[in-house]
Amino acid sequence: MRLWAHETTRVLGDRLINDDDRMWMLETVKETTKISLAANFDLLFSHLDKSGNGKIESLDEFRANIFGDIFTAFGVPDRPYEEIMDKEKLIKAAEDALSRYNEMADNAMNLVLFNFAIEHLLRIRRILKQPGGHALLVGVGGSGRQSLTRLATKMGDYEIFQIEIKKVYTKVEFREDLKTLFRSVGGKGEPSSFIFTDNSIKEEGFLEDINNILNTGEVPNIFPADEKNDVQDSVRAAAKEESRCPDGTPQQLFAYFIERCKANLHIVLCFSPIGASLRNRIRSFPSLVNCTTIDWFSEWPKDALESVAEQFLASEDLESDVRKQCV
């Protein structure tokens, strides 16, 4: 029942844009738990009761209902999706994951993994865990969307793909990068996260291709005839091993290639809600919302600000009376 409440909140609740709607969602889950599941919601979630009044009646309390696979080490293919009730163990696991990432990555990340960040990390990891799962992370710059995506990607032993914007970068260069990505996820079968941000949109036409990938898994006619033959040959052995293309026709092989792209490619859109750009783009390219799981990076809560301040002030040389005032 707690898992059902969690998944309902992720699938539906995370799409809501303000706390009034989220409170409606909480009340609806409570009512459904009572009527359809014949269970006492407050008793079911009694371990989340912060106020001690025997009731779960705030969003701050309910957001502590968490499931994830963070307790499994990097690179392990079988990652159980389990309820997380020990917050200290959760923080330790997140910090261990970050340390492991920094050991592997060329550019280490100096992140403060407070509760707010860990919750978003687990949400992103949940999306990437699903075959063909795509994410729309909505928040202002500096909220941790890209960093948490990178960490969540490496937790699942996936590859990270991000285009490099040059002085001259048109749709031609963009499609060449997409073909490189498709050959990796489809031809080699490597699960990958494609991080695409506002700053990556040099031309609005880029979003047309992203919209097509989200909707159908491919960009129509992106491969000319000679390159199409190459990608078909790249999956021939895998298709034969899985007995997916009995006749081995070019059409069957290319369809198998696209199927592997759909399963292994995870697009993570990191867009800002400021201004009218996001609204206009969603109107023009509805798959940005219809084919993604949304995660809103709203303003940091008080505990997040305190955690960041404590970590960065810990190394500062402050007078004792000043440090006491900060605490």
Protein backbone atom coordinates (compact mmCIF):
# COMPACT_ATOMS: atom_id res chain seq x y z
CA MET A 1 0.00 0.00 0.00
CA ARG A 2 2.87 2.39 0.77
CA LEU A 3 4.47 1.48 -2.56
CA TRP A 4 1.17 2.23 -4.35
CA ALA A 5 0.97 5.61 -2.63
CA HIS A 6 4.57 6.37 -3.59
CA GLU A 7 4.15 5.42 -7.25
CA THR A 8 0.87 7.33 -7.50
CA THR A 9 2.61 10.41 -6.15
CA ARG A 10 5.49 10.00 -8.61
CA VAL A 11 3.31 9.41 -11.67
CA LEU A 12 0.56 11.95 -10.96
CA GLY A 13 1.61 14.11 -8.03
CA ASP A 14 4.96 15.14 -9.51
CA ARG A 15 3.18 16.71 -12.48
CA LEU A 16 1.37 19.21 -10.25
CA ILE A 17 2.77 22.72 -10.11
CA ASN A 18 1.79 24.17 -6.72
CA ASP A 19 1.28 23.10 -3.12
CA ASP A 20 -2.50 23.57 -3.25
CA ASP A 21 -2.77 20.90 -5.94
CA ARG A 22 -0.28 18.68 -4.12
CA MET A 23 -2.38 18.92 -0.95
CA TRP A 24 -5.40 17.89 -3.01
CA MET A 25 -3.34 14.92 -4.20
CA LEU A 26 -2.47 13.96 -0.63
CA GLU A 27 -6.10 14.15 0.46
CA THR A 28 -7.17 12.08 -2.54
CA VAL A 29 -4.60 9.38 -1.78
CA LYS A 30 -5.79 9.33 1.83
CA GLU A 31 -9.42 8.98 0.76
CA THR A 32 -8.61 6.26 -1.77
CA THR A 33 -6.60 4.35 0.84
CA LYS A 34 -9.62 4.40 3.14
CA ILE A 35 -12.31 3.55 0.58
CA SER A 36 -10.62 1.27 -1.93
CA LEU A 37 -7.90 -0.34 0.19
CA ALA A 38 -9.86 -0.40 3.47
CA ALA A 39 -6.80 0.83 5.37
CA ASN A 40 -6.12 3.57 7.92
CA PHE A 41 -3.82 6.01 6.12
CA ASP A 42 -2.46 7.65 9.28
CA LEU A 43 -1.68 4.26 10.81
CA LEU A 44 -0.13 3.00 7.57
CA PHE A 45 2.27 5.97 7.51
CA SER A 46 2.68 6.45 11.26
CA HIS A 47 6.49 6.30 10.89
CA LEU A 48 6.33 9.61 8.98
CA ASP A 49 4.52 11.49 11.76
CA LYS A 50 6.81 14.39 12.66
CA SER A 51 4.34 16.42 14.70
CA GLY A 52 3.39 13.53 16.97
CA ASN A 53 -0.34 14.15 16.59
CA GLY A 54 -1.00 10.74 15.05
CA LYS A 55 -1.87 12.18 11.65
CA ILE A 56 -0.08 12.62 8.33
CA GLU A 57 -1.46 15.93 7.17
CA SER A 58 1.44 17.88 5.63
CA LEU A 59 3.40 17.59 2.41
CA ASP A 60 6.65 17.75 4.39
CA GLU A 61 5.69 14.59 6.24
CA PHE A 62 4.40 12.68 3.22
CA ARG A 63 7.45 13.43 1.04
CA ALA A 64 9.42 11.16 3.37
CA ASN A 65 7.63 8.14 1.87
CA ILE A 66 10.55 6.98 -0.28
CA PHE A 67 11.41 3.93 -2.40
CA GLY A 68 14.55 3.34 -4.44
CA ASP A 69 17.50 1.12 -5.32
CA ILE A 70 20.25 3.28 -3.84
CA PHE A 71 21.43 0.62 -1.39
CA THR A 72 22.74 -1.54 -4.25
CA ALA A 73 26.38 -0.97 -5.23
CA PHE A 74 27.44 0.51 -8.59
CA GLY A 75 27.46 -1.86 -11.55
CA VAL A 76 25.22 -4.56 -10.02
CA PRO A 77 22.56 -5.44 -12.63
CA ASP A 78 19.97 -6.69 -10.13
CA ARG A 79 18.94 -3.58 -8.17
CA PRO A 80 15.95 -4.26 -5.86
CA TYR A 81 13.43 -1.41 -5.59
CA GLU A 82 12.74 -1.20 -1.87
CA GLU A 83 11.22 1.00 0.80
CA ILE A 84 13.67 3.32 2.52
CA MET A 85 12.83 4.06 6.15
CA ASP A 86 16.27 4.62 7.69
CA LYS A 87 17.20 8.20 6.79
CA GLU A 88 20.73 7.97 8.19
CA LYS A 89 21.38 4.87 6.10
CA LEU A 90 19.94 6.67 3.07
CA ILE A 91 22.25 9.68 3.49
CA LYS A 92 25.25 7.38 3.95
CA ALA A 93 24.35 5.44 0.78
CA ALA A 94 23.97 8.67 -1.21
CA GLU A 95 27.33 9.98 0.00
CA ASP A 96 28.97 6.65 -0.84
CA ALA A 97 27.46 6.82 -4.33
CA LEU A 98 28.82 10.34 -4.80
CA SER A 99 32.28 9.27 -3.62
CA ARG A 100 32.22 6.35 -6.04
CA TYR A 101 31.18 8.68 -8.86
CA ASN A 102 34.01 11.10 -8.10
CA GLU A 103 36.48 8.23 -8.21
CA MET A 104 35.30 7.29 -11.70
CA ALA A 105 34.62 10.72 -13.24
CA ASP A 106 37.10 13.13 -14.78
CA ASN A 107 35.34 16.09 -13.18
CA ALA A 108 34.47 15.50 -9.53
CA MET A 109 31.23 16.99 -8.21
CA ASN A 110 31.16 18.85 -4.89
CA LEU A 111 27.54 18.23 -3.93
CA VAL A 112 25.75 18.66 -0.62
CA LEU A 113 23.39 15.69 -0.45
CA PHE A 114 20.69 17.02 1.84
CA ASN A 115 17.25 15.37 1.99
CA PHE A 116 15.81 17.50 -0.82
CA ALA A 117 18.63 16.55 -3.23
CA ILE A 118 18.49 12.85 -2.32
CA GLU A 119 14.74 12.76 -2.97
CA HIS A 120 15.27 14.17 -6.46
CA LEU A 121 18.20 11.79 -7.02
CA LEU A 122 15.93 8.83 -6.30
CA ARG A 123 13.17 10.22 -8.52
CA ILE A 124 15.58 10.56 -11.44
CA ARG A 125 17.01 7.11 -10.78
CA ARG A 126 13.45 5.69 -10.78
CA ILE A 127 12.82 7.19 -14.23
CA LEU A 128 16.10 5.91 -15.67
CA LYS A 129 15.38 2.44 -14.26
CA GLN A 130 12.40 2.09 -16.60
CA PRO A 131 13.04 0.98 -20.21
CA GLY A 132 12.51 4.04 -22.37
CA GLY A 133 12.01 6.28 -19.35
CA HIS A 134 12.46 10.00 -20.06
CA ALA A 135 12.51 12.92 -17.62
CA LEU A 136 11.56 16.58 -17.70
CA LEU A 137 13.36 18.33 -14.84
CA VAL A 138 11.89 21.79 -14.35
CA GLY A 139 13.87 24.26 -12.25
CA VAL A 140 16.17 27.25 -12.33
CA GLY A 141 19.87 26.99 -13.04
CA GLY A 142 21.98 25.82 -10.12
CA SER A 143 19.23 23.67 -8.59
CA GLY A 144 21.24 20.48 -9.18
CA ARG A 145 19.33 18.98 -12.12
CA GLN A 146 22.35 18.04 -14.23
CA SER A 147 24.58 16.96 -11.35
CA LEU A 148 21.93 14.68 -9.87
CA THR A 149 21.20 13.23 -13.31
CA ARG A 150 24.87 12.40 -13.78
CA LEU A 151 25.00 10.68 -10.40
CA ALA A 152 21.74 8.77 -11.00
CA THR A 153 23.03 7.69 -14.41
CA LYS A 154 26.26 6.25 -13.05
CA MET A 155 24.40 4.51 -10.22
CA GLY A 156 22.76 2.36 -12.90
CA ASP A 157 26.07 1.89 -14.76
CA TYR A 158 24.77 3.89 -17.74
CA GLU A 159 26.66 6.20 -20.06
CA ILE A 160 26.26 10.00 -20.01
CA PHE A 161 25.79 11.81 -23.31
CA GLN A 162 25.66 15.59 -23.71
CA ILE A 163 26.21 17.67 -26.82
CA GLU A 164 29.04 20.18 -26.87
CA ILE A 165 27.85 23.54 -28.16
CA LYS A 166 30.44 25.16 -30.41
CA LYS A 167 30.51 28.59 -32.03
CA VAL A 168 29.00 27.09 -35.16
CA TYR A 169 26.51 24.40 -34.21
CA THR A 170 23.55 23.90 -36.53
CA LYS A 171 20.98 21.19 -37.07
CA VAL A 172 23.52 19.37 -39.25
CA GLU A 173 25.99 19.03 -36.33
CA PHE A 174 23.15 18.23 -33.95
CA ARG A 175 21.97 15.34 -36.12
CA GLU A 176 25.51 14.00 -36.41
CA ASP A 177 25.65 13.91 -32.61
CA LEU A 178 22.27 12.17 -32.53
CA LYS A 179 23.53 9.52 -34.97
CA THR A 180 26.52 8.93 -32.69
CA LEU A 181 24.14 8.50 -29.78
CA PHE A 182 21.86 6.13 -31.73
CA ARG A 183 24.80 3.95 -32.77
CA SER A 184 25.75 3.66 -29.10
CA VAL A 185 22.33 2.88 -27.60
CA GLY A 186 20.98 0.94 -30.59
CA GLY A 187 24.00 -0.59 -32.24
CA LYS A 188 26.10 -1.34 -29.15
CA GLY A 189 23.15 -1.66 -26.76
CA GLU A 190 24.63 0.72 -24.19
CA PRO A 191 22.02 2.32 -21.87
CA SER A 192 22.63 6.07 -21.87
CA SER A 193 21.23 9.31 -20.48
CA PHE A 194 21.07 12.19 -22.95
CA ILE A 195 21.13 15.41 -20.91
CA PHE A 196 19.55 18.23 -22.92
CA THR A 197 19.29 21.72 -21.43
CA ASP A 198 17.89 25.13 -22.36
CA ASN A 199 21.39 26.20 -23.38
CA SER A 200 21.55 23.31 -25.86
CA ILE A 201 18.75 24.79 -27.98
CA LYS A 202 20.71 26.74 -30.55
CA GLU A 203 17.83 26.27 -32.99
CA GLU A 204 14.19 25.49 -32.22
CA GLY A 205 14.47 22.74 -34.83
CA PHE A 206 16.48 20.74 -32.28
CA LEU A 207 13.30 20.34 -30.27
CA GLU A 208 11.48 18.89 -33.27
CA ASP A 209 13.99 16.03 -33.33
CA ILE A 210 13.77 15.60 -29.54
CA ASN A 211 9.97 15.54 -29.84
CA ASN A 212 10.18 12.78 -32.47
CA ILE A 213 12.56 10.69 -30.39
CA LEU A 214 10.30 10.96 -27.34
CA ASN A 215 7.24 10.06 -29.41
CA THR A 216 8.47 7.36 -31.79
CA GLY A 217 12.02 6.55 -30.69
CA GLU A 218 13.66 7.83 -33.88
CA VAL A 219 14.25 10.83 -36.12
CA PRO A 220 12.72 10.11 -39.54
CA ASN A 221 15.29 9.64 -42.33
CA ILE A 222 18.23 10.63 -40.15
CA PHE A 223 20.35 7.84 -41.66
CA PRO A 224 21.06 7.96 -45.40
CA ALA A 225 20.99 4.64 -47.27
CA ASP A 226 24.68 3.73 -46.81
CA GLU A 227 24.68 4.57 -43.09
CA LYS A 228 21.39 2.72 -42.63
CA ASN A 229 23.03 -0.44 -43.96
CA ASP A 230 25.82 0.00 -41.41
CA VAL A 231 23.46 0.30 -38.44
CA GLN A 232 21.51 -2.73 -39.66
CA ASP A 233 24.71 -4.75 -39.79
CA SER A 234 25.66 -3.52 -36.29
CA VAL A 235 22.67 -5.30 -34.73
CA ARG A 236 22.65 -8.42 -36.90
CA ALA A 237 24.55 -10.56 -34.37
CA ALA A 238 22.43 -9.39 -31.41
CA ALA A 239 19.20 -9.92 -33.36
CA LYS A 240 20.28 -13.42 -34.31
CA GLU A 241 21.24 -14.24 -30.71
CA GLU A 242 17.83 -13.09 -29.45
CA SER A 243 16.00 -14.72 -32.39
CA ARG A 244 14.25 -11.43 -33.05
CA CYS A 245 14.76 -11.23 -36.84
CA PRO A 246 14.16 -14.74 -38.24
CA ASP A 247 14.55 -13.66 -41.87
CA GLY A 248 17.23 -11.04 -41.24
CA THR A 249 15.69 -8.62 -43.70
CA PRO A 250 16.87 -4.99 -43.69
CA GLN A 251 13.45 -3.87 -42.49
CA GLN A 252 13.49 -6.30 -39.57
CA LEU A 253 17.03 -5.35 -38.59
CA PHE A 254 16.31 -1.63 -38.65
CA ALA A 255 13.12 -2.12 -36.63
CA TYR A 256 15.18 -4.07 -34.08
CA PHE A 257 17.75 -1.27 -34.04
CA ILE A 258 15.02 1.31 -33.26
CA GLU A 259 13.59 -0.99 -30.59
CA ARG A 260 16.98 -1.09 -28.86
CA CYS A 261 17.23 2.70 -29.11
CA LYS A 262 13.83 3.03 -27.40
CA ALA A 263 14.82 0.68 -24.58
CA ASN A 264 18.31 2.05 -23.91
CA LEU A 265 17.97 5.79 -24.52
CA HIS A 266 16.85 8.04 -21.67
CA ILE A 267 16.37 11.71 -22.53
CA VAL A 268 16.63 14.06 -19.55
CA LEU A 269 15.38 17.56 -20.33
CA CYS A 270 16.60 20.25 -17.92
CA PHE A 271 14.41 23.28 -18.60
CA SER A 272 13.73 26.48 -16.70
CA PRO A 273 10.16 27.60 -15.92
CA ILE A 274 11.13 31.30 -16.01
CA GLY A 275 9.53 33.29 -18.81
CA ALA A 276 7.29 31.97 -21.57
CA SER A 277 9.82 29.75 -23.36
CA LEU A 278 8.86 26.48 -21.65
CA ARG A 279 5.15 27.15 -22.10
CA ASN A 280 5.56 27.94 -25.80
CA ARG A 281 7.77 24.94 -26.45
CA ILE A 282 5.32 22.57 -24.82
CA ARG A 283 2.53 23.94 -27.00
CA SER A 284 4.63 23.35 -30.12
CA PHE A 285 6.09 19.99 -29.05
CA PRO A 286 3.60 18.21 -26.75
CA SER A 287 5.75 15.08 -26.38
CA LEU A 288 8.03 17.11 -24.09
CA VAL A 289 5.32 16.60 -21.48
CA ASN A 290 3.25 13.65 -22.74
CA CYS A 291 6.21 11.28 -23.08
CA THR A 292 8.25 12.29 -20.03
CA THR A 293 8.02 11.98 -16.27
CA ILE A 294 8.11 15.44 -14.69
CA ASP A 295 10.11 16.40 -11.63
CA TRP A 296 9.75 19.97 -10.36
CA PHE A 297 12.82 21.40 -8.65
CA SER A 298 11.00 23.95 -6.53
CA GLU A 299 12.64 26.29 -4.02
CA TRP A 300 14.94 24.62 -1.52
CA PRO A 301 13.32 23.93 1.86
CA LYS A 302 14.82 25.21 5.10
CA ASP A 303 16.66 21.97 5.92
CA ALA A 304 18.37 22.10 2.52
CA LEU A 305 19.63 25.65 3.04
CA GLU A 306 20.89 24.75 6.51
CA SER A 307 22.74 21.68 5.19
CA VAL A 308 24.49 23.68 2.47
CA ALA A 309 25.41 26.44 4.90
CA GLU A 310 26.81 24.01 7.47
CA GLN A 311 29.01 22.24 4.93
CA PHE A 312 30.47 25.35 3.32
CA LEU A 313 30.93 27.28 6.57
CA ALA A 314 32.60 24.32 8.27
CA SER A 315 35.90 25.06 6.53
CA GLU A 316 35.73 28.84 6.99
CA ASP A 317 37.89 30.56 9.58
CA LEU A 318 35.25 32.36 11.64
CA GLU A 319 35.33 33.96 15.06
CA SER A 320 33.65 31.78 17.66
CA ASP A 321 30.87 34.29 18.34
CA VAL A 322 30.15 34.65 14.61
CA ARG A 323 30.05 30.87 14.17
CA LYS A 324 27.59 30.57 17.08
CA GLN A 325 25.30 33.11 15.41
CA CYS A 326 25.45 31.11 12.16
CA VAL A 327 24.48 27.95 13.99
